[in-house]
């Protein structure tokens, strides 16, 4: 599953990641800062204007915002998955001997909380997400049960409400014979999960509850994209309406739009009640009613397209420059 790497909070800068380091670049093309590292399989996650870069199976996670380095986390155990909040709090799944650990760190690498999981007791954590305010953590556990698999989606509260709960556990839901490889917070009170046959939405800023379930059956989900207000699921489409079908939901799980398109996209962005669908050569911009506001080609192949505070203005990152696009 793919998530939108540029959130509304990152409107004037972009992050460029590679195996050798990460750079923050302003809309004018000025390099604000560089950080180098040595990683074999770097993974980057963002929230607001914070980026965390870690090495799968490594021990280090670097936390930065648009002003520069916030700190570094040394996990001491191999990293399997991690995410970051807008304050720089990192939630990480770590691989221990016969157990998996979930740790919370501040941006400087100090341990805020931890708990262990075993396949026998709770299952193996396959996906983790932290709310933007850093108080809630959602974990998807895969668990063998009577010869079959089931998934548990669990919520932990690390604010004042969760202090009275064992291991900060506040709510959770079981899904027999279902695999849930992806969970994600949209904002500090709404989250969703994607399984092999459904999409689940949860709501609540203290003890999240199940809000909606959308069954997808045997349909393949090509990608998942979101911001703090909307989530979109892309499906292959075989009708004359378009090659792909985009189903858009609000943070309560209500279907607000079904729209079709033909371009072989590389990214879909929800921003300012607009949907931006693009690849390196062309772009479509639609409103939340599905009407085209713009459709056209890029003069130079585009690696990344970033919305700004102005609905009609975008920053384009190419292999050679950072450019501004103004739509009339």
C-alpha atoms as a PDB file:
ATOM      1  CA  UNK A   1       0.000   0.000   0.000  1.00  0.00           C
ATOM      2  CA  UNK A   2       1.159   3.496  -0.766  1.00  0.00           C
ATOM      3  CA  UNK A   3       0.509   6.584   1.291  1.00  0.00           C
ATOM      4  CA  UNK A   4       0.795  10.217   0.364  1.00  0.00           C
ATOM      5  CA  UNK A   5       4.337  11.303   1.294  1.00  0.00           C
ATOM      6  CA  UNK A   6       3.593  15.046   1.352  1.00  0.00           C
ATOM      7  CA  UNK A   7       1.150  16.158   4.011  1.00  0.00           C
ATOM      8  CA  UNK A   8      -0.545  19.579   4.168  1.00  0.00           C
ATOM      9  CA  UNK A   9       2.032  20.751   6.694  1.00  0.00           C
ATOM     10  CA  UNK A  10       4.849  20.427   4.134  1.00  0.00           C
ATOM     11  CA  UNK A  11       3.832  23.143   1.701  1.00  0.00           C
ATOM     12  CA  UNK A  12       7.013  25.124   1.115  1.00  0.00           C
ATOM     13  CA  UNK A  13       9.648  22.433   1.386  1.00  0.00           C
ATOM     14  CA  UNK A  14      10.251  18.931   0.098  1.00  0.00           C
ATOM     15  CA  UNK A  15      12.401  16.070   1.366  1.00  0.00           C
ATOM     16  CA  UNK A  16      14.678  14.129  -0.975  1.00  0.00           C
ATOM     17  CA  UNK A  17      15.816  10.727   0.320  1.00  0.00           C
ATOM     18  CA  UNK A  18      18.496   8.368  -0.989  1.00  0.00           C
ATOM     19  CA  UNK A  19      20.738   5.583   0.312  1.00  0.00           C
ATOM     20  CA  UNK A  20      23.372   8.182   1.210  1.00  0.00           C
ATOM     21  CA  UNK A  21      21.338  10.891   2.931  1.00  0.00           C
ATOM     22  CA  UNK A  22      18.328  13.169   3.023  1.00  0.00           C
ATOM     23  CA  UNK A  23      17.963  16.794   1.962  1.00  0.00           C
ATOM     24  CA  UNK A  24      15.316  19.437   2.611  1.00  0.00           C
ATOM     25  CA  UNK A  25      14.712  21.778  -0.330  1.00  0.00           C
ATOM     26  CA  UNK A  26      12.650  24.975  -0.358  1.00  0.00           C
ATOM     27  CA  UNK A  27      10.163  25.869  -3.084  1.00  0.00           C
ATOM     28  CA  UNK A  28      12.786  28.144  -4.648  1.00  0.00           C
ATOM     29  CA  UNK A  29      15.234  25.244  -4.965  1.00  0.00           C
ATOM     30  CA  UNK A  30      17.440  26.271  -2.052  1.00  0.00           C
ATOM     31  CA  UNK A  31      18.873  23.358  -0.056  1.00  0.00           C
ATOM     32  CA  UNK A  32      17.936  24.116   3.564  1.00  0.00           C
ATOM     33  CA  UNK A  33      19.914  21.231   5.039  1.00  0.00           C
ATOM     34  CA  UNK A  34      21.549  17.890   4.283  1.00  0.00           C
ATOM     35  CA  UNK A  35      22.047  14.874   6.508  1.00  0.00           C
ATOM     36  CA  UNK A  36      24.212  11.933   5.491  1.00  0.00           C
ATOM     37  CA  UNK A  37      24.001   8.356   6.752  1.00  0.00           C
ATOM     38  CA  UNK A  38      24.931   4.824   5.746  1.00  0.00           C
ATOM     39  CA  UNK A  39      21.902   2.599   5.149  1.00  0.00           C
ATOM     40  CA  UNK A  40      21.235  -0.484   3.040  1.00  0.00           C
ATOM     41  CA  UNK A  41      17.436  -0.218   2.880  1.00  0.00           C
ATOM     42  CA  UNK A  42      16.372   3.292   3.935  1.00  0.00           C
ATOM     43  CA  UNK A  43      12.701   3.903   4.726  1.00  0.00           C
ATOM     44  CA  UNK A  44      11.249   7.399   5.183  1.00  0.00           C
ATOM     45  CA  UNK A  45       8.011   8.400   6.927  1.00  0.00           C
ATOM     46  CA  UNK A  46       6.602  11.903   7.324  1.00  0.00           C
ATOM     47  CA  UNK A  47       3.983  13.650   9.438  1.00  0.00           C
ATOM     48  CA  UNK A  48       3.413  17.378   9.176  1.00  0.00           C
ATOM     49  CA  UNK A  49       6.837  18.935   8.678  1.00  0.00           C
ATOM     50  CA  UNK A  50       8.683  16.044  10.358  1.00  0.00           C
ATOM     51  CA  UNK A  51      10.517  13.245   8.557  1.00  0.00           C
ATOM     52  CA  UNK A  52      11.984  10.085  10.099  1.00  0.00           C
ATOM     53  CA  UNK A  53      14.446   7.966   8.110  1.00  0.00           C
ATOM     54  CA  UNK A  54      15.448   4.504   9.271  1.00  0.00           C
ATOM     55  CA  UNK A  55      17.129   1.404   7.914  1.00  0.00           C
ATOM     56  CA  UNK A  56      15.081  -1.801   7.669  1.00  0.00           C
ATOM     57  CA  UNK A  57      16.914  -4.365   9.809  1.00  0.00           C
ATOM     58  CA  UNK A  58      19.184  -1.580  11.078  1.00  0.00           C
ATOM     59  CA  UNK A  59      19.296   0.195  14.448  1.00  0.00           C
ATOM     60  CA  UNK A  60      19.136   3.914  13.698  1.00  0.00           C
ATOM     61  CA  UNK A  61      16.278   6.314  12.949  1.00  0.00           C
ATOM     62  CA  UNK A  62      17.073   9.953  12.123  1.00  0.00           C
ATOM     63  CA  UNK A  63      14.365  12.520  12.966  1.00  0.00           C
ATOM     64  CA  UNK A  64      14.312  15.908  11.239  1.00  0.00           C
ATOM     65  CA  UNK A  65      11.957  18.772  10.552  1.00  0.00           C
ATOM     66  CA  UNK A  66      12.229  21.605   8.030  1.00  0.00           C
ATOM     67  CA  UNK A  67      14.642  23.421  10.362  1.00  0.00           C
ATOM     68  CA  UNK A  68      17.093  20.525  10.547  1.00  0.00           C
ATOM     69  CA  UNK A  69      17.966  17.606  12.810  1.00  0.00           C
ATOM     70  CA  UNK A  70      15.738  16.971  15.823  1.00  0.00           C
ATOM     71  CA  UNK A  71      17.645  13.917  17.022  1.00  0.00           C
ATOM     72  CA  UNK A  72      18.578  10.302  16.449  1.00  0.00           C
ATOM     73  CA  UNK A  73      17.092   7.068  17.812  1.00  0.00           C
ATOM     74  CA  UNK A  74      19.288   4.020  18.438  1.00  0.00           C
ATOM     75  CA  UNK A  75      16.939   1.066  18.853  1.00  0.00           C
ATOM     76  CA  UNK A  76      19.598  -1.550  19.749  1.00  0.00           C
ATOM     77  CA  UNK A  77      17.378  -4.128  18.012  1.00  0.00           C
ATOM     78  CA  UNK A  78      16.636  -4.682  14.298  1.00  0.00           C
ATOM     79  CA  UNK A  79      13.959  -2.337  12.935  1.00  0.00           C
ATOM     80  CA  UNK A  80      10.988  -3.989  11.234  1.00  0.00           C
ATOM     81  CA  UNK A  81       8.586  -1.035  11.005  1.00  0.00           C
ATOM     82  CA  UNK A  82       8.294   2.506  12.353  1.00  0.00           C
ATOM     83  CA  UNK A  83       6.318   5.735  12.050  1.00  0.00           C
ATOM     84  CA  UNK A  84       6.552   9.283  13.370  1.00  0.00           C
ATOM     85  CA  UNK A  85       4.231  11.941  14.814  1.00  0.00           C
ATOM     86  CA  UNK A  86       4.225  15.667  14.074  1.00  0.00           C
ATOM     87  CA  UNK A  87       6.169  16.233  17.326  1.00  0.00           C
ATOM     88  CA  UNK A  88       8.882  13.775  16.330  1.00  0.00           C
ATOM     89  CA  UNK A  89       7.704  10.892  18.550  1.00  0.00           C
ATOM     90  CA  UNK A  90       8.715   7.602  16.896  1.00  0.00           C
ATOM     91  CA  UNK A  91       6.842   4.304  17.268  1.00  0.00           C
ATOM     92  CA  UNK A  92       8.947   1.329  16.166  1.00  0.00           C
ATOM     93  CA  UNK A  93       8.447  -2.418  15.815  1.00  0.00           C
ATOM     94  CA  UNK A  94      11.694  -4.159  16.763  1.00  0.00           C
ATOM     95  CA  UNK A  95      12.688  -7.788  16.308  1.00  0.00           C
ATOM     96  CA  UNK A  96      13.916  -9.463  19.490  1.00  0.00           C
ATOM     97  CA  UNK A  97      14.719 -13.083  20.274  1.00  0.00           C
ATOM     98  CA  UNK A  98      11.387 -14.982  20.187  1.00  0.00           C
ATOM     99  CA  UNK A  99       9.505 -11.706  20.797  1.00  0.00           C
ATOM    100  CA  UNK A 100       8.734  -8.488  18.975  1.00  0.00           C
ATOM    101  CA  UNK A 101       8.970  -5.181  20.811  1.00  0.00           C
ATOM    102  CA  UNK A 102       7.041  -1.981  20.235  1.00  0.00           C
ATOM    103  CA  UNK A 103       8.927   1.070  21.475  1.00  0.00           C
ATOM    104  CA  UNK A 104       8.024   4.732  21.666  1.00  0.00           C
ATOM    105  CA  UNK A 105      10.896   7.222  21.550  1.00  0.00           C
ATOM    106  CA  UNK A 106      11.098  10.974  21.619  1.00  0.00           C
ATOM    107  CA  UNK A 107      13.035  12.660  18.823  1.00  0.00           C
ATOM    108  CA  UNK A 108      16.243  12.582  20.897  1.00  0.00           C
ATOM    109  CA  UNK A 109      16.053   8.794  21.268  1.00  0.00           C
ATOM    110  CA  UNK A 110      14.781   8.620  24.867  1.00  0.00           C
ATOM    111  CA  UNK A 111      12.420   5.703  25.541  1.00  0.00           C
ATOM    112  CA  UNK A 112       8.901   6.871  26.389  1.00  0.00           C
ATOM    113  CA  UNK A 113       7.231   3.450  26.591  1.00  0.00           C
ATOM    114  CA  UNK A 114       7.655  -0.140  25.438  1.00  0.00           C
ATOM    115  CA  UNK A 115       5.876  -3.470  25.512  1.00  0.00           C
ATOM    116  CA  UNK A 116       6.626  -6.890  24.061  1.00  0.00           C
ATOM    117  CA  UNK A 117       4.466  -9.129  21.931  1.00  0.00           C
ATOM    118  CA  UNK A 118       4.733 -12.847  21.216  1.00  0.00           C
ATOM    119  CA  UNK A 119       3.117 -14.930  18.517  1.00  0.00           C
ATOM    120  CA  UNK A 120       1.550 -17.130  21.218  1.00  0.00           C
ATOM    121  CA  UNK A 121      -0.052 -14.343  23.242  1.00  0.00           C
ATOM    122  CA  UNK A 122      -0.914 -11.453  20.934  1.00  0.00           C
ATOM    123  CA  UNK A 123       0.454 -12.266  17.478  1.00  0.00           C
ATOM    124  CA  UNK A 124       3.138 -10.616  15.373  1.00  0.00           C
ATOM    125  CA  UNK A 125       2.881  -6.861  14.720  1.00  0.00           C
ATOM    126  CA  UNK A 126       2.830  -6.282  10.961  1.00  0.00           C
ATOM    127  CA  UNK A 127       1.880  -2.597  10.796  1.00  0.00           C
ATOM    128  CA  UNK A 128       2.004   0.346  13.193  1.00  0.00           C
ATOM    129  CA  UNK A 129       0.813   3.951  13.038  1.00  0.00           C
ATOM    130  CA  UNK A 130       1.018   6.821  15.524  1.00  0.00           C
ATOM    131  CA  UNK A 131      -1.451   9.709  15.673  1.00  0.00           C
ATOM    132  CA  UNK A 132      -0.120  13.141  14.671  1.00  0.00           C
ATOM    133  CA  UNK A 133      -0.279  14.343  18.309  1.00  0.00           C
ATOM    134  CA  UNK A 134       1.690  11.287  19.453  1.00  0.00           C
ATOM    135  CA  UNK A 135      -0.915  10.057  21.964  1.00  0.00           C
ATOM    136  CA  UNK A 136      -2.477   7.098  20.133  1.00  0.00           C
ATOM    137  CA  UNK A 137      -0.768   4.112  18.546  1.00  0.00           C
ATOM    138  CA  UNK A 138      -2.536   1.597  16.303  1.00  0.00           C
ATOM    139  CA  UNK A 139      -1.026  -1.854  15.737  1.00  0.00           C
ATOM    140  CA  UNK A 140      -2.132  -4.660  13.441  1.00  0.00           C
ATOM    141  CA  UNK A 141      -1.259  -8.109  14.847  1.00  0.00           C
ATOM    142  CA  UNK A 142      -1.290 -11.302  12.786  1.00  0.00           C
ATOM    143  CA  UNK A 143      -2.194 -14.320  14.903  1.00  0.00           C
ATOM    144  CA  UNK A 144      -2.527 -18.074  14.112  1.00  0.00           C
ATOM    145  CA  UNK A 145      -5.751 -19.508  15.469  1.00  0.00           C
ATOM    146  CA  UNK A 146      -6.890 -23.121  15.053  1.00  0.00           C
ATOM    147  CA  UNK A 147      -5.044 -23.625  11.784  1.00  0.00           C
ATOM    148  CA  UNK A 148      -6.079 -20.278  10.327  1.00  0.00           C
ATOM    149  CA  UNK A 149      -4.919 -16.679  10.588  1.00  0.00           C
ATOM    150  CA  UNK A 150      -6.708 -13.820  12.240  1.00  0.00           C
ATOM    151  CA  UNK A 151      -5.812 -10.169  12.680  1.00  0.00           C
ATOM    152  CA  UNK A 152      -6.287  -7.989  15.732  1.00  0.00           C
ATOM    153  CA  UNK A 153      -6.248  -4.208  15.311  1.00  0.00           C
ATOM    154  CA  UNK A 154      -5.347  -2.698  18.684  1.00  0.00           C
ATOM    155  CA  UNK A 155      -5.250   0.895  19.950  1.00  0.00           C
ATOM    156  CA  UNK A 156      -2.971   2.137  22.720  1.00  0.00           C
ATOM    157  CA  UNK A 157      -3.314   5.490  24.445  1.00  0.00           C
ATOM    158  CA  UNK A 158      -0.142   7.068  25.845  1.00  0.00           C
ATOM    159  CA  UNK A 159      -1.926  10.138  27.165  1.00  0.00           C
ATOM    160  CA  UNK A 160      -3.640  10.502  30.533  1.00  0.00           C
ATOM    161  CA  UNK A 161      -6.546   8.197  29.589  1.00  0.00           C
ATOM    162  CA  UNK A 162      -4.288   5.249  28.797  1.00  0.00           C
ATOM    163  CA  UNK A 163      -2.334   5.440  32.048  1.00  0.00           C
ATOM    164  CA  UNK A 164      -5.092   3.502  33.807  1.00  0.00           C
ATOM    165  CA  UNK A 165      -5.079   0.673  31.260  1.00  0.00           C
ATOM    166  CA  UNK A 166      -2.806  -2.384  31.162  1.00  0.00           C
ATOM    167  CA  UNK A 167      -0.017  -1.722  28.635  1.00  0.00           C
ATOM    168  CA  UNK A 168      -2.014   1.414  27.682  1.00  0.00           C
ATOM    169  CA  UNK A 169      -4.422  -0.775  25.670  1.00  0.00           C
ATOM    170  CA  UNK A 170      -7.776   1.024  25.252  1.00  0.00           C
ATOM    171  CA  UNK A 171      -9.651  -0.707  22.411  1.00  0.00           C
ATOM    172  CA  UNK A 172      -9.305  -3.334  19.704  1.00  0.00           C
ATOM    173  CA  UNK A 173     -11.073  -5.465  17.134  1.00  0.00           C
ATOM    174  CA  UNK A 174     -10.546  -9.029  15.883  1.00  0.00           C
ATOM    175  CA  UNK A 175     -10.930 -10.086  12.258  1.00  0.00           C
ATOM    176  CA  UNK A 176     -10.988 -13.897  11.831  1.00  0.00           C
ATOM    177  CA  UNK A 177      -9.488 -15.270   8.595  1.00  0.00           C
ATOM    178  CA  UNK A 178      -8.461 -11.754   7.550  1.00  0.00           C
ATOM    179  CA  UNK A 179      -4.984 -10.290   6.982  1.00  0.00           C
ATOM    180  CA  UNK A 180      -4.575  -6.562   7.745  1.00  0.00           C
ATOM    181  CA  UNK A 181      -1.149  -5.448   6.453  1.00  0.00           C
ATOM    182  CA  UNK A 182      -1.740  -1.693   6.742  1.00  0.00           C
ATOM    183  CA  UNK A 183      -3.034   0.672   9.437  1.00  0.00           C
ATOM    184  CA  UNK A 184      -2.838   4.452   9.322  1.00  0.00           C
ATOM    185  CA  UNK A 185      -3.955   7.511  11.283  1.00  0.00           C
ATOM    186  CA  UNK A 186      -5.449  10.282   9.160  1.00  0.00           C
ATOM    187  CA  UNK A 187      -5.574  12.764  12.026  1.00  0.00           C
ATOM    188  CA  UNK A 188      -5.488  12.625  15.824  1.00  0.00           C
ATOM    189  CA  UNK A 189      -8.957  11.065  16.108  1.00  0.00           C
ATOM    190  CA  UNK A 190      -9.444   9.064  12.899  1.00  0.00           C
ATOM    191  CA  UNK A 191      -7.652   5.999  11.566  1.00  0.00           C
ATOM    192  CA  UNK A 192      -8.220   3.340   8.932  1.00  0.00           C
ATOM    193  CA  UNK A 193      -7.005  -0.173   8.209  1.00  0.00           C
ATOM    194  CA  UNK A 194      -6.831  -2.079   4.924  1.00  0.00           C
ATOM    195  CA  UNK A 195      -7.273  -5.842   4.687  1.00  0.00           C
ATOM    196  CA  UNK A 196      -7.475  -8.346   1.866  1.00  0.00           C
ATOM    197  CA  UNK A 197     -11.269  -7.971   1.674  1.00  0.00           C
ATOM    198  CA  UNK A 198     -12.278  -4.724   3.386  1.00  0.00           C
ATOM    199  CA  UNK A 199     -11.374  -1.222   4.545  1.00  0.00           C
ATOM    200  CA  UNK A 200     -12.095  -0.358   8.183  1.00  0.00           C
ATOM    201  CA  UNK A 201     -12.439   3.114   9.710  1.00  0.00           C
ATOM    202  CA  UNK A 202     -12.073   4.003  13.398  1.00  0.00           C
ATOM    203  CA  UNK A 203     -12.860   7.190  15.263  1.00  0.00           C
ATOM    204  CA  UNK A 204     -12.098   8.605  18.709  1.00  0.00           C
ATOM    205  CA  UNK A 205      -9.272  10.645  20.211  1.00  0.00           C
ATOM    206  CA  UNK A 206      -9.140   8.607  23.458  1.00  0.00           C
ATOM    207  CA  UNK A 207     -10.558   5.123  22.853  1.00  0.00           C
ATOM    208  CA  UNK A 208     -11.089   4.653  19.104  1.00  0.00           C
ATOM    209  CA  UNK A 209     -14.179   2.689  18.076  1.00  0.00           C
ATOM    210  CA  UNK A 210     -15.099   1.020  14.805  1.00  0.00           C
ATOM    211  CA  UNK A 211     -16.849   3.562  12.598  1.00  0.00           C
ATOM    212  CA  UNK A 212     -17.394   1.772   9.282  1.00  0.00           C
ATOM    213  CA  UNK A 213     -16.418  -1.291   7.238  1.00  0.00           C
ATOM    214  CA  UNK A 214     -16.349  -1.226   3.450  1.00  0.00           C
ATOM    215  CA  UNK A 215     -16.119  -4.672   1.914  1.00  0.00           C
ATOM    216  CA  UNK A 216     -14.049  -4.905  -1.272  1.00  0.00           C
ATOM    217  CA  UNK A 217     -14.457  -8.648  -1.862  1.00  0.00           C
ATOM    218  CA  UNK A 218     -12.062 -10.062  -4.428  1.00  0.00           C
ATOM    219  CA  UNK A 219     -11.203  -6.686  -5.961  1.00  0.00           C
ATOM    220  CA  UNK A 220      -7.521  -5.788  -5.983  1.00  0.00           C
ATOM    221  CA  UNK A 221      -6.581  -2.497  -4.318  1.00  0.00           C
ATOM    222  CA  UNK A 222      -3.844  -0.845  -6.405  1.00  0.00           C
ATOM    223  CA  UNK A 223      -3.010   1.869  -3.889  1.00  0.00           C
ATOM    224  CA  UNK A 224      -4.107   3.825  -0.828  1.00  0.00           C
ATOM    225  CA  UNK A 225      -3.703   7.619  -0.561  1.00  0.00           C
ATOM    226  CA  UNK A 226      -4.794   9.987   2.184  1.00  0.00           C
ATOM    227  CA  UNK A 227      -4.515  13.280   3.998  1.00  0.00           C
ATOM    228  CA  UNK A 228      -6.067  14.408   7.277  1.00  0.00           C
ATOM    229  CA  UNK A 229      -9.591  14.570   5.792  1.00  0.00           C
ATOM    230  CA  UNK A 230      -9.848  12.053   2.953  1.00  0.00           C
ATOM    231  CA  UNK A 231      -8.722   8.550   2.054  1.00  0.00           C
ATOM    232  CA  UNK A 232      -8.785   7.195  -1.473  1.00  0.00           C
ATOM    233  CA  UNK A 233      -8.555   3.607  -2.668  1.00  0.00           C
ATOM    234  CA  UNK A 234      -7.615   2.900  -6.295  1.00  0.00           C
ATOM    235  CA  UNK A 235      -9.052  -0.156  -8.058  1.00  0.00           C
ATOM    236  CA  UNK A 236      -8.457  -1.453 -11.599  1.00  0.00           C
ATOM    237  CA  UNK A 237     -11.494  -0.753 -13.759  1.00  0.00           C
ATOM    238  CA  UNK A 238     -12.644  -2.687 -16.810  1.00  0.00           C
ATOM    239  CA  UNK A 239     -15.442  -0.421 -18.051  1.00  0.00           C
ATOM    240  CA  UNK A 240     -15.307   2.372 -20.626  1.00  0.00           C
ATOM    241  CA  UNK A 241     -15.389   4.990 -17.836  1.00  0.00           C
ATOM    242  CA  UNK A 242     -11.639   4.684 -17.231  1.00  0.00           C
ATOM    243  CA  UNK A 243      -8.689   2.397 -16.558  1.00  0.00           C
ATOM    244  CA  UNK A 244      -8.807   3.082 -12.807  1.00  0.00           C
ATOM    245  CA  UNK A 245     -11.552   3.751 -10.266  1.00  0.00           C
ATOM    246  CA  UNK A 246     -10.839   6.006  -7.287  1.00  0.00           C
ATOM    247  CA  UNK A 247     -13.180   5.655  -4.311  1.00  0.00           C
ATOM    248  CA  UNK A 248     -12.859   8.526  -1.833  1.00  0.00           C
ATOM    249  CA  UNK A 249     -13.956   8.391   1.816  1.00  0.00           C
ATOM    250  CA  UNK A 250     -14.007  11.021   4.537  1.00  0.00           C
ATOM    251  CA  UNK A 251     -12.485  10.371   7.953  1.00  0.00           C
ATOM    252  CA  UNK A 252     -15.774   8.802   9.153  1.00  0.00           C
ATOM    253  CA  UNK A 253     -15.658   6.180   6.423  1.00  0.00           C
ATOM    254  CA  UNK A 254     -18.422   7.744   4.324  1.00  0.00           C
ATOM    255  CA  UNK A 255     -18.037   7.345   0.564  1.00  0.00           C
ATOM    256  CA  UNK A 256     -17.997  10.922  -0.784  1.00  0.00           C
ATOM    257  CA  UNK A 257     -16.849  10.309  -4.365  1.00  0.00           C
ATOM    258  CA  UNK A 258     -16.303   7.654  -7.024  1.00  0.00           C
ATOM    259  CA  UNK A 259     -14.315   8.909 -10.007  1.00  0.00           C
ATOM    260  CA  UNK A 260     -12.503   7.312 -12.961  1.00  0.00           C
ATOM    261  CA  UNK A 261      -9.286   8.128 -14.800  1.00  0.00           C
ATOM    262  CA  UNK A 262      -6.971   6.628 -17.432  1.00  0.00           C
ATOM    263  CA  UNK A 263      -3.422   7.839 -16.734  1.00  0.00           C
ATOM    264  CA  UNK A 264      -0.872   5.444 -15.269  1.00  0.00           C
ATOM    265  CA  UNK A 265      -0.324   7.506 -12.131  1.00  0.00           C
ATOM    266  CA  UNK A 266       2.685   7.540  -9.835  1.00  0.00           C
ATOM    267  CA  UNK A 267       1.028   9.572  -7.063  1.00  0.00           C
ATOM    268  CA  UNK A 268      -2.344  10.832  -5.866  1.00  0.00           C
ATOM    269  CA  UNK A 269      -2.538  13.772  -3.465  1.00  0.00           C
ATOM    270  CA  UNK A 270      -5.521  15.114  -1.530  1.00  0.00           C
ATOM    271  CA  UNK A 271      -5.036  18.788  -0.755  1.00  0.00           C
ATOM    272  CA  UNK A 272      -7.292  21.806  -0.238  1.00  0.00           C
ATOM    273  CA  UNK A 273     -10.368  19.810  -1.348  1.00  0.00           C
ATOM    274  CA  UNK A 274      -8.642  18.907  -4.586  1.00  0.00           C
ATOM    275  CA  UNK A 275      -7.431  15.573  -5.975  1.00  0.00           C
ATOM    276  CA  UNK A 276      -4.107  15.688  -7.826  1.00  0.00           C
ATOM    277  CA  UNK A 277      -3.366  12.630  -9.975  1.00  0.00           C
ATOM    278  CA  UNK A 278      -0.060  12.638 -11.831  1.00  0.00           C
ATOM    279  CA  UNK A 279       2.884  10.794 -13.313  1.00  0.00           C
ATOM    280  CA  UNK A 280       6.153  12.215 -14.601  1.00  0.00           C
ATOM    281  CA  UNK A 281       4.559  13.383 -17.859  1.00  0.00           C
ATOM    282  CA  UNK A 282       0.975  14.454 -17.139  1.00  0.00           C
ATOM    283  CA  UNK A 283      -1.401  15.629 -14.444  1.00  0.00           C
ATOM    284  CA  UNK A 284      -5.115  15.723 -13.662  1.00  0.00           C
ATOM    285  CA  UNK A 285      -6.597  17.965 -10.942  1.00  0.00           C
ATOM    286  CA  UNK A 286     -10.199  17.396  -9.853  1.00  0.00           C
ATOM    287  CA  UNK A 287     -12.479  18.889  -7.234  1.00  0.00           C
ATOM    288  CA  UNK A 288     -14.285  16.763  -4.677  1.00  0.00           C
ATOM    289  CA  UNK A 289     -17.256  16.478  -7.045  1.00  0.00           C
ATOM    290  CA  UNK A 290     -15.059  14.715  -9.596  1.00  0.00           C
ATOM    291  CA  UNK A 291     -14.951  17.620 -12.056  1.00  0.00           C
ATOM    292  CA  UNK A 292     -11.708  18.303 -13.883  1.00  0.00           C
ATOM    293  CA  UNK A 293     -10.098  21.609 -12.917  1.00  0.00           C
ATOM    294  CA  UNK A 294      -6.990  20.942 -14.983  1.00  0.00           C
ATOM    295  CA  UNK A 295      -5.592  18.273 -17.281  1.00  0.00           C
ATOM    296  CA  UNK A 296      -2.305  18.682 -19.120  1.00  0.00           C
ATOM    297  CA  UNK A 297       1.260  17.579 -19.798  1.00  0.00           C
ATOM    298  CA  UNK A 298       4.500  18.601 -18.087  1.00  0.00           C
ATOM    299  CA  UNK A 299       7.233  20.158 -20.217  1.00  0.00           C
ATOM    300  CA  UNK A 300       9.918  18.322 -18.224  1.00  0.00           C
ATOM    301  CA  UNK A 301       9.540  14.916 -16.491  1.00  0.00           C
ATOM    302  CA  UNK A 302       8.408  15.528 -12.906  1.00  0.00           C
ATOM    303  CA  UNK A 303       9.614  13.454  -9.961  1.00  0.00           C
ATOM    304  CA  UNK A 304       7.373  15.069  -7.340  1.00  0.00           C
ATOM    305  CA  UNK A 305       4.457  17.516  -7.398  1.00  0.00           C
ATOM    306  CA  UNK A 306       3.792  19.429  -4.173  1.00  0.00           C
ATOM    307  CA  UNK A 307       0.727  21.576  -3.393  1.00  0.00           C
ATOM    308  CA  UNK A 308       1.216  25.005  -1.791  1.00  0.00           C
ATOM    309  CA  UNK A 309      -1.026  27.256   0.294  1.00  0.00           C
ATOM    310  CA  UNK A 310      -2.538  28.582  -2.948  1.00  0.00           C
ATOM    311  CA  UNK A 311      -4.933  26.144  -4.665  1.00  0.00           C
ATOM    312  CA  UNK A 312      -3.673  26.984  -8.143  1.00  0.00           C
ATOM    313  CA  UNK A 313       0.051  26.947  -7.361  1.00  0.00           C
ATOM    314  CA  UNK A 314       2.265  23.868  -7.179  1.00  0.00           C
ATOM    315  CA  UNK A 315       5.939  23.095  -6.737  1.00  0.00           C
ATOM    316  CA  UNK A 316       7.412  20.680  -9.282  1.00  0.00           C
ATOM    317  CA  UNK A 317      10.598  18.752  -8.552  1.00  0.00           C
ATOM    318  CA  UNK A 318      12.457  17.504 -11.629  1.00  0.00           C
ATOM    319  CA  UNK A 319      15.823  15.790 -11.903  1.00  0.00           C
ATOM    320  CA  UNK A 320      17.474  19.149 -12.545  1.00  0.00           C
ATOM    321  CA  UNK A 321      15.466  21.856 -10.791  1.00  0.00           C
ATOM    322  CA  UNK A 322      12.616  22.914  -8.517  1.00  0.00           C
ATOM    323  CA  UNK A 323       9.965  24.839 -10.459  1.00  0.00           C
ATOM    324  CA  UNK A 324       6.684  26.596  -9.727  1.00  0.00           C
ATOM    325  CA  UNK A 325       3.508  25.792 -11.652  1.00  0.00           C
ATOM    326  CA  UNK A 326       0.686  28.355 -11.669  1.00  0.00           C
ATOM    327  CA  UNK A 327      -2.662  27.278 -13.082  1.00  0.00           C
ATOM    328  CA  UNK A 328      -5.132  29.817 -14.430  1.00  0.00           C
END
